[in-house]
C-alpha cells in the first residue's frame, strides 16, 4: 500500500468557514429550527461564522427556561437525564 499524506490547507478552511455561503447555510438552518418568539443573530467569529438563536419575548424566554426549547431546537437532549 502506498504512503498517503494528507495536509489540511488551514487558510483555505478558514476562508471557507468565513464565507458568505456558510453564513447563508447556517442562517437557513437556524431559521428552519426557530421556535416562536425567537430570532437569529448571525455573527462572524475569528475562525468561523456563527448564528445564535435568542429569545425576543418574555413568553419565549419563560418557555425556554421551563422546557429547554432552544436546546431541543438544535437537537440537544435538554432536561434532566
PDB file of N, CA and C in Angstrom:
ATOM      1  N   UNK A   1       0.854  -1.174   0.000  1.00  0.00           N
ATOM      2  CA  UNK A   1       0.000   0.000   0.000  1.00  0.00           C
ATOM      3  C   UNK A   1       0.898   1.235   0.000  1.00  0.00           C
ATOM      4  N   UNK A   2       0.584   2.204  -0.841  1.00  0.00           N
ATOM      5  CA  UNK A   2       1.393   3.413  -0.966  1.00  0.00           C
ATOM      6  C   UNK A   2       1.179   4.326   0.242  1.00  0.00           C
ATOM      7  N   UNK A   3       2.224   5.051   0.576  1.00  0.00           N
ATOM      8  CA  UNK A   3       2.107   6.038   1.652  1.00  0.00           C
ATOM      9  C   UNK A   3       1.241   7.185   1.164  1.00  0.00           C
ATOM     10  N   UNK A   4       0.361   7.622   2.017  1.00  0.00           N
ATOM     11  CA  UNK A   4      -0.526   8.728   1.676  1.00  0.00           C
ATOM     12  C   UNK A   4      -0.427   9.763   2.773  1.00  0.00           C
ATOM     13  N   UNK A   5      -0.200  10.985   2.375  1.00  0.00           N
ATOM     14  CA  UNK A   5      -0.103  12.065   3.350  1.00  0.00           C
ATOM     15  C   UNK A   5      -1.125  13.130   2.985  1.00  0.00           C
ATOM     16  N   UNK A   6      -1.956  13.464   3.948  1.00  0.00           N
ATOM     17  CA  UNK A   6      -2.977  14.485   3.758  1.00  0.00           C
ATOM     18  C   UNK A   6      -2.605  15.689   4.601  1.00  0.00           C
ATOM     19  N   UNK A   7      -2.514  16.829   3.982  1.00  0.00           N
ATOM     20  CA  UNK A   7      -2.186  18.052   4.713  1.00  0.00           C
ATOM     21  C   UNK A   7      -3.302  19.065   4.483  1.00  0.00           C
ATOM     22  N   UNK A   8      -3.909  19.480   5.565  1.00  0.00           N
ATOM     23  CA  UNK A   8      -5.026  20.412   5.509  1.00  0.00           C
ATOM     24  C   UNK A   8      -4.529  21.825   5.232  1.00  0.00           C
ATOM     25  N   UNK A   9      -5.175  22.481   4.292  1.00  0.00           N
ATOM     26  CA  UNK A   9      -4.864  23.864   3.976  1.00  0.00           C
ATOM     27  C   UNK A   9      -5.658  24.744   4.950  1.00  0.00           C
ATOM     28  N   UNK A  10      -5.038  25.119   6.044  1.00  0.00           N
ATOM     29  CA  UNK A  10      -5.741  25.844   7.110  1.00  0.00           C
ATOM     30  C   UNK A  10      -6.294  27.186   6.648  1.00  0.00           C
ATOM     31  N   UNK A  11      -5.550  27.897   5.838  1.00  0.00           N
ATOM     32  CA  UNK A  11      -6.028  29.193   5.335  1.00  0.00           C
ATOM     33  C   UNK A  11      -7.262  28.996   4.457  1.00  0.00           C
ATOM     34  N   UNK A  12      -7.260  27.946   3.657  1.00  0.00           N
ATOM     35  CA  UNK A  12      -8.407  27.659   2.803  1.00  0.00           C
ATOM     36  C   UNK A  12      -9.636  27.261   3.604  1.00  0.00           C
ATOM     37  N   UNK A  13      -9.434  26.464   4.646  1.00  0.00           N
ATOM     38  CA  UNK A  13     -10.549  26.058   5.507  1.00  0.00           C
ATOM     39  C   UNK A  13     -11.117  27.275   6.223  1.00  0.00           C
ATOM     40  N   UNK A  14     -10.253  28.135   6.743  1.00  0.00           N
ATOM     41  CA  UNK A  14     -10.713  29.349   7.419  1.00  0.00           C
ATOM     42  C   UNK A  14     -11.506  30.224   6.453  1.00  0.00           C
ATOM     43  N   UNK A  15     -11.004  30.367   5.230  1.00  0.00           N
ATOM     44  CA  UNK A  15     -11.702  31.169   4.216  1.00  0.00           C
ATOM     45  C   UNK A  15     -13.087  30.586   3.933  1.00  0.00           C
ATOM     46  N   UNK A  16     -13.164  29.255   3.834  1.00  0.00           N
ATOM     47  CA  UNK A  16     -14.445  28.593   3.607  1.00  0.00           C
ATOM     48  C   UNK A  16     -15.398  28.817   4.775  1.00  0.00           C
ATOM     49  N   UNK A  17     -14.907  28.625   6.003  1.00  0.00           N
ATOM     50  CA  UNK A  17     -15.771  28.780   7.181  1.00  0.00           C
ATOM     51  C   UNK A  17     -16.220  30.218   7.403  1.00  0.00           C
ATOM     52  N   UNK A  18     -15.495  31.179   6.854  1.00  0.00           N
ATOM     53  CA  UNK A  18     -15.874  32.587   6.971  1.00  0.00           C
ATOM     54  C   UNK A  18     -16.652  33.092   5.757  1.00  0.00           C
ATOM     55  N   UNK A  19     -16.912  32.224   4.784  1.00  0.00           N
ATOM     56  CA  UNK A  19     -17.548  32.646   3.536  1.00  0.00           C
ATOM     57  C   UNK A  19     -19.030  32.976   3.735  1.00  0.00           C
ATOM     58  N   UNK A  20     -19.560  33.730   2.803  1.00  0.00           N
ATOM     59  CA  UNK A  20     -20.975  34.104   2.835  1.00  0.00           C
ATOM     60  C   UNK A  20     -21.857  32.881   2.607  1.00  0.00           C
ATOM     61  N   UNK A  21     -21.382  31.929   1.825  1.00  0.00           N
ATOM     62  CA  UNK A  21     -22.148  30.706   1.595  1.00  0.00           C
ATOM     63  C   UNK A  21     -22.395  29.930   2.874  1.00  0.00           C
ATOM     64  N   UNK A  22     -21.381  29.813   3.710  1.00  0.00           N
ATOM     65  CA  UNK A  22     -21.536  29.138   5.002  1.00  0.00           C
ATOM     66  C   UNK A  22     -22.470  29.951   5.893  1.00  0.00           C
ATOM     67  N   UNK A  23     -22.342  31.263   5.864  1.00  0.00           N
ATOM     68  CA  UNK A  23     -23.224  32.116   6.664  1.00  0.00           C
ATOM     69  C   UNK A  23     -24.679  31.934   6.240  1.00  0.00           C
ATOM     70  N   UNK A  24     -24.927  31.872   4.934  1.00  0.00           N
ATOM     71  CA  UNK A  24     -26.292  31.667   4.435  1.00  0.00           C
ATOM     72  C   UNK A  24     -26.835  30.301   4.836  1.00  0.00           C
ATOM     73  N   UNK A  25     -25.996  29.271   4.746  1.00  0.00           N
ATOM     74  CA  UNK A  25     -26.407  27.925   5.133  1.00  0.00           C
ATOM     75  C   UNK A  25     -26.769  27.871   6.616  1.00  0.00           C
ATOM     76  N   UNK A  26     -25.945  28.466   7.459  1.00  0.00           N
ATOM     77  CA  UNK A  26     -26.228  28.494   8.892  1.00  0.00           C
ATOM     78  C   UNK A  26     -27.510  29.263   9.190  1.00  0.00           C
ATOM     79  N   UNK A  27     -27.686  30.390   8.524  1.00  0.00           N
ATOM     80  CA  UNK A  27     -28.884  31.212   8.730  1.00  0.00           C
ATOM     81  C   UNK A  27     -30.140  30.443   8.319  1.00  0.00           C
ATOM     82  N   UNK A  28     -30.107  29.776   7.168  1.00  0.00           N
ATOM     83  CA  UNK A  28     -31.252  28.993   6.707  1.00  0.00           C
ATOM     84  C   UNK A  28     -31.569  27.850   7.668  1.00  0.00           C
ATOM     85  N   UNK A  29     -30.545  27.177   8.148  1.00  0.00           N
ATOM     86  CA  UNK A  29     -30.736  26.078   9.088  1.00  0.00           C
ATOM     87  C   UNK A  29     -31.342  26.590  10.391  1.00  0.00           C
ATOM     88  N   UNK A  30     -30.832  27.705  10.888  1.00  0.00           N
ATOM     89  CA  UNK A  30     -31.353  28.286  12.124  1.00  0.00           C
ATOM     90  C   UNK A  30     -32.798  28.737  11.947  1.00  0.00           C
ATOM     91  N   UNK A  31     -33.111  29.355  10.812  1.00  0.00           N
ATOM     92  CA  UNK A  31     -34.480  29.814  10.558  1.00  0.00           C
ATOM     93  C   UNK A  31     -35.456  28.644  10.528  1.00  0.00           C
ATOM     94  N   UNK A  32     -35.006  27.502  10.020  1.00  0.00           N
ATOM     95  CA  UNK A  32     -35.859  26.318   9.954  1.00  0.00           C
ATOM     96  C   UNK A  32     -36.150  25.710  11.316  1.00  0.00           C
ATOM     97  N   UNK A  33     -35.313  25.986  12.297  1.00  0.00           N
ATOM     98  CA  UNK A  33     -35.488  25.417  13.639  1.00  0.00           C
ATOM     99  C   UNK A  33     -35.978  26.438  14.647  1.00  0.00           C
ATOM    100  N   UNK A  34     -36.299  27.615  14.194  1.00  0.00           N
ATOM    101  CA  UNK A  34     -36.616  28.734  15.063  1.00  0.00           C
ATOM    102  C   UNK A  34     -37.948  28.560  15.788  1.00  0.00           C
ATOM    103  N   UNK A  35     -37.947  28.478  17.119  1.00  0.00           N
ATOM    104  CA  UNK A  35     -39.205  28.430  17.868  1.00  0.00           C
ATOM    105  C   UNK A  35     -39.900  29.793  17.823  1.00  0.00           C
ATOM    106  N   UNK A  36     -41.196  29.832  18.080  1.00  0.00           N
ATOM    107  CA  UNK A  36     -41.911  31.115  18.102  1.00  0.00           C
ATOM    108  C   UNK A  36     -41.341  32.049  19.176  1.00  0.00           C
ATOM    109  N   UNK A  37     -41.275  33.326  18.857  1.00  0.00           N
ATOM    110  CA  UNK A  37     -40.783  34.316  19.809  1.00  0.00           C
ATOM    111  C   UNK A  37     -39.278  34.429  19.860  1.00  0.00           C
ATOM    112  N   UNK A  38     -38.587  33.829  18.879  1.00  0.00           N
ATOM    113  CA  UNK A  38     -37.127  33.861  18.849  1.00  0.00           C
ATOM    114  C   UNK A  38     -36.656  34.466  17.532  1.00  0.00           C
ATOM    115  N   UNK A  39     -35.400  34.867  17.495  1.00  0.00           N
ATOM    116  CA  UNK A  39     -34.803  35.412  16.280  1.00  0.00           C
ATOM    117  C   UNK A  39     -33.374  34.910  16.175  1.00  0.00           C
ATOM    118  N   UNK A  40     -32.821  35.042  14.978  1.00  0.00           N
ATOM    119  CA  UNK A  40     -31.434  34.648  14.777  1.00  0.00           C
ATOM    120  C   UNK A  40     -30.531  35.864  14.903  1.00  0.00           C
ATOM    121  N   UNK A  41     -29.298  35.620  15.289  1.00  0.00           N
ATOM    122  CA  UNK A  41     -28.296  36.668  15.435  1.00  0.00           C
ATOM    123  C   UNK A  41     -27.000  36.171  14.788  1.00  0.00           C
ATOM    124  N   UNK A  42     -26.829  36.428  13.470  1.00  0.00           N
ATOM    125  CA  UNK A  42     -25.615  35.948  12.803  1.00  0.00           C
ATOM    126  C   UNK A  42     -24.390  36.745  13.239  1.00  0.00           C
ATOM    127  N   UNK A  43     -23.260  36.044  13.370  1.00  0.00           N
ATOM    128  CA  UNK A  43     -22.021  36.688  13.798  1.00  0.00           C
ATOM    129  C   UNK A  43     -20.855  36.077  13.040  1.00  0.00           C
ATOM    130  N   UNK A  44     -19.837  36.877  12.826  1.00  0.00           N
ATOM    131  CA  UNK A  44     -18.600  36.380  12.222  1.00  0.00           C
ATOM    132  C   UNK A  44     -17.541  36.339  13.319  1.00  0.00           C
ATOM    133  N   UNK A  45     -17.085  35.148  13.618  1.00  0.00           N
ATOM    134  CA  UNK A  45     -16.024  34.991  14.595  1.00  0.00           C
ATOM    135  C   UNK A  45     -14.670  35.124  13.925  1.00  0.00           C
ATOM    136  N   UNK A  46     -13.626  34.875  14.659  1.00  0.00           N
ATOM    137  CA  UNK A  46     -12.279  34.977  14.117  1.00  0.00           C
ATOM    138  C   UNK A  46     -11.992  33.844  13.131  1.00  0.00           C
ATOM    139  N   UNK A  47     -12.527  32.650  13.408  1.00  0.00           N
ATOM    140  CA  UNK A  47     -12.236  31.486  12.578  1.00  0.00           C
ATOM    141  C   UNK A  47     -13.424  30.932  11.811  1.00  0.00           C
ATOM    142  N   UNK A  48     -14.631  31.289  12.188  1.00  0.00           N
ATOM    143  CA  UNK A  48     -15.816  30.738  11.525  1.00  0.00           C
ATOM    144  C   UNK A  48     -17.030  31.621  11.779  1.00  0.00           C
ATOM    145  N   UNK A  49     -18.071  31.397  10.983  1.00  0.00           N
ATOM    146  CA  UNK A  49     -19.346  32.089  11.161  1.00  0.00           C
ATOM    147  C   UNK A  49     -20.166  31.358  12.212  1.00  0.00           C
ATOM    148  N   UNK A  50     -21.008  32.098  12.906  1.00  0.00           N
ATOM    149  CA  UNK A  50     -21.889  31.545  13.927  1.00  0.00           C
ATOM    150  C   UNK A  50     -23.264  32.168  13.773  1.00  0.00           C
ATOM    151  N   UNK A  51     -24.278  31.456  14.196  1.00  0.00           N
ATOM    152  CA  UNK A  51     -25.628  32.005  14.267  1.00  0.00           C
ATOM    153  C   UNK A  51     -26.191  31.617  15.621  1.00  0.00           C
ATOM    154  N   UNK A  52     -26.554  32.630  16.400  1.00  0.00           N
ATOM    155  CA  UNK A  52     -27.186  32.370  17.692  1.00  0.00           C
ATOM    156  C   UNK A  52     -28.695  32.476  17.519  1.00  0.00           C
ATOM    157  N   UNK A  53     -29.432  31.692  18.267  1.00  0.00           N
ATOM    158  CA  UNK A  53     -30.879  31.836  18.338  1.00  0.00           C
ATOM    159  C   UNK A  53     -31.170  32.404  19.714  1.00  0.00           C
ATOM    160  N   UNK A  54     -31.811  33.554  19.746  1.00  0.00           N
ATOM    161  CA  UNK A  54     -32.084  34.233  21.010  1.00  0.00           C
ATOM    162  C   UNK A  54     -33.577  34.508  21.146  1.00  0.00           C
ATOM    163  N   UNK A  55     -34.035  34.564  22.382  1.00  0.00           N
ATOM    164  CA  UNK A  55     -35.445  34.857  22.635  1.00  0.00           C
ATOM    165  C   UNK A  55     -35.696  36.350  22.503  1.00  0.00           C
ATOM    166  N   UNK A  56     -36.868  36.690  21.976  1.00  0.00           N
ATOM    167  CA  UNK A  56     -37.274  38.091  21.841  1.00  0.00           C
ATOM    168  C   UNK A  56     -38.381  38.470  22.809  1.00  0.00           C
ATOM    169  N   UNK A  57     -39.168  37.509  23.220  1.00  0.00           N
ATOM    170  CA  UNK A  57     -40.312  37.803  24.071  1.00  0.00           C
ATOM    171  C   UNK A  57     -40.151  37.139  25.431  1.00  0.00           C
ATOM    172  N   UNK A  58     -40.886  37.661  26.395  1.00  0.00           N
ATOM    173  CA  UNK A  58     -40.865  37.086  27.737  1.00  0.00           C
ATOM    174  C   UNK A  58     -41.437  35.668  27.722  1.00  0.00           C
ATOM    175  N   UNK A  59     -42.449  35.433  26.878  1.00  0.00           N
ATOM    176  CA  UNK A  59     -43.057  34.106  26.792  1.00  0.00           C
ATOM    177  C   UNK A  59     -42.054  33.082  26.260  1.00  0.00           C
ATOM    178  N   UNK A  60     -41.303  33.470  25.233  1.00  0.00           N
ATOM    179  CA  UNK A  60     -40.301  32.562  24.665  1.00  0.00           C
ATOM    180  C   UNK A  60     -39.187  32.306  25.682  1.00  0.00           C
ATOM    181  N   UNK A  61     -38.790  33.328  26.406  1.00  0.00           N
ATOM    182  CA  UNK A  61     -37.763  33.174  27.441  1.00  0.00           C
ATOM    183  C   UNK A  61     -38.233  32.196  28.516  1.00  0.00           C
ATOM    184  N   UNK A  62     -39.466  32.372  28.975  1.00  0.00           N
ATOM    185  CA  UNK A  62     -40.021  31.507  30.015  1.00  0.00           C
ATOM    186  C   UNK A  62     -40.176  30.067  29.509  1.00  0.00           C
ATOM    187  N   UNK A  63     -40.644  29.928  28.261  1.00  0.00           N
ATOM    188  CA  UNK A  63     -40.787  28.601  27.670  1.00  0.00           C
ATOM    189  C   UNK A  63     -39.428  27.903  27.572  1.00  0.00           C
ATOM    190  N   UNK A  64     -38.404  28.640  27.173  1.00  0.00           N
ATOM    191  CA  UNK A  64     -37.061  28.065  27.092  1.00  0.00           C
ATOM    192  C   UNK A  64     -36.551  27.678  28.477  1.00  0.00           C
ATOM    193  N   UNK A  65     -36.817  28.515  29.460  1.00  0.00           N
ATOM    194  CA  UNK A  65     -36.375  28.250  30.821  1.00  0.00           C
ATOM    195  C   UNK A  65     -37.019  26.980  31.382  1.00  0.00           C
ATOM    196  N   UNK A  66     -38.296  26.796  31.099  1.00  0.00           N
ATOM    197  CA  UNK A  66     -39.031  25.652  31.644  1.00  0.00           C
ATOM    198  C   UNK A  66     -38.861  24.378  30.818  1.00  0.00           C
ATOM    199  N   UNK A  67     -38.679  24.514  29.488  1.00  0.00           N
ATOM    200  CA  UNK A  67     -38.706  23.347  28.606  1.00  0.00           C
ATOM    201  C   UNK A  67     -37.451  23.133  27.760  1.00  0.00           C
ATOM    202  N   UNK A  68     -36.430  23.974  27.942  1.00  0.00           N
ATOM    203  CA  UNK A  68     -35.200  23.879  27.136  1.00  0.00           C
ATOM    204  C   UNK A  68     -35.505  23.912  25.640  1.00  0.00           C
ATOM    205  N   UNK A  69     -36.389  24.802  25.232  1.00  0.00           N
ATOM    206  CA  UNK A  69     -36.856  24.871  23.853  1.00  0.00           C
ATOM    207  C   UNK A  69     -35.723  25.085  22.866  1.00  0.00           C
ATOM    208  N   UNK A  70     -34.803  25.991  23.163  1.00  0.00           N
ATOM    209  CA  UNK A  70     -33.714  26.275  22.240  1.00  0.00           C
ATOM    210  C   UNK A  70     -32.754  25.101  22.121  1.00  0.00           C
ATOM    211  N   UNK A  71     -32.454  24.451  23.226  1.00  0.00           N
ATOM    212  CA  UNK A  71     -31.584  23.289  23.208  1.00  0.00           C
ATOM    213  C   UNK A  71     -32.213  22.160  22.381  1.00  0.00           C
ATOM    214  N   UNK A  72     -33.497  21.939  22.546  1.00  0.00           N
ATOM    215  CA  UNK A  72     -34.193  20.912  21.795  1.00  0.00           C
ATOM    216  C   UNK A  72     -34.267  21.281  20.310  1.00  0.00           C
ATOM    217  N   UNK A  73     -34.361  22.573  20.001  1.00  0.00           N
ATOM    218  CA  UNK A  73     -34.444  23.011  18.611  1.00  0.00           C
ATOM    219  C   UNK A  73     -33.169  22.671  17.834  1.00  0.00           C
ATOM    220  N   UNK A  74     -32.030  22.636  18.528  1.00  0.00           N
ATOM    221  CA  UNK A  74     -30.787  22.318  17.845  1.00  0.00           C
ATOM    222  C   UNK A  74     -30.408  20.847  17.988  1.00  0.00           C
ATOM    223  N   UNK A  75     -31.308  20.066  18.573  1.00  0.00           N
ATOM    224  CA  UNK A  75     -31.066  18.632  18.651  1.00  0.00           C
ATOM    225  C   UNK A  75     -30.437  18.161  19.934  1.00  0.00           C
ATOM    226  N   UNK A  76     -30.351  19.036  20.938  1.00  0.00           N
ATOM    227  CA  UNK A  76     -29.803  18.633  22.227  1.00  0.00           C
ATOM    228  C   UNK A  76     -30.828  17.861  23.028  1.00  0.00           C
ATOM    229  N   UNK A  77     -30.389  17.196  24.074  1.00  0.00           N
ATOM    230  CA  UNK A  77     -31.298  16.384  24.879  1.00  0.00           C
ATOM    231  C   UNK A  77     -32.163  17.257  25.776  1.00  0.00           C
ATOM    232  N   UNK A  78     -31.540  18.138  26.535  1.00  0.00           N
ATOM    233  CA  UNK A  78     -32.302  19.010  27.424  1.00  0.00           C
ATOM    234  C   UNK A  78     -32.909  18.257  28.588  1.00  0.00           C
ATOM    235  N   UNK A  79     -33.211  18.973  29.639  1.00  0.00           N
ATOM    236  CA  UNK A  79     -33.856  18.378  30.801  1.00  0.00           C
ATOM    237  C   UNK A  79     -32.920  17.479  31.590  1.00  0.00           C
ATOM    238  N   UNK A  80     -33.436  16.918  32.660  1.00  0.00           N
ATOM    239  CA  UNK A  80     -32.624  16.017  33.479  1.00  0.00           C
ATOM    240  C   UNK A  80     -32.596  14.635  32.838  1.00  0.00           C
ATOM    241  N   UNK A  81     -31.542  13.905  33.120  1.00  0.00           N
ATOM    242  CA  UNK A  81     -31.394  12.594  32.486  1.00  0.00           C
ATOM    243  C   UNK A  81     -31.585  11.476  33.458  1.00  0.00           C
TER     244      UNK A  81
END
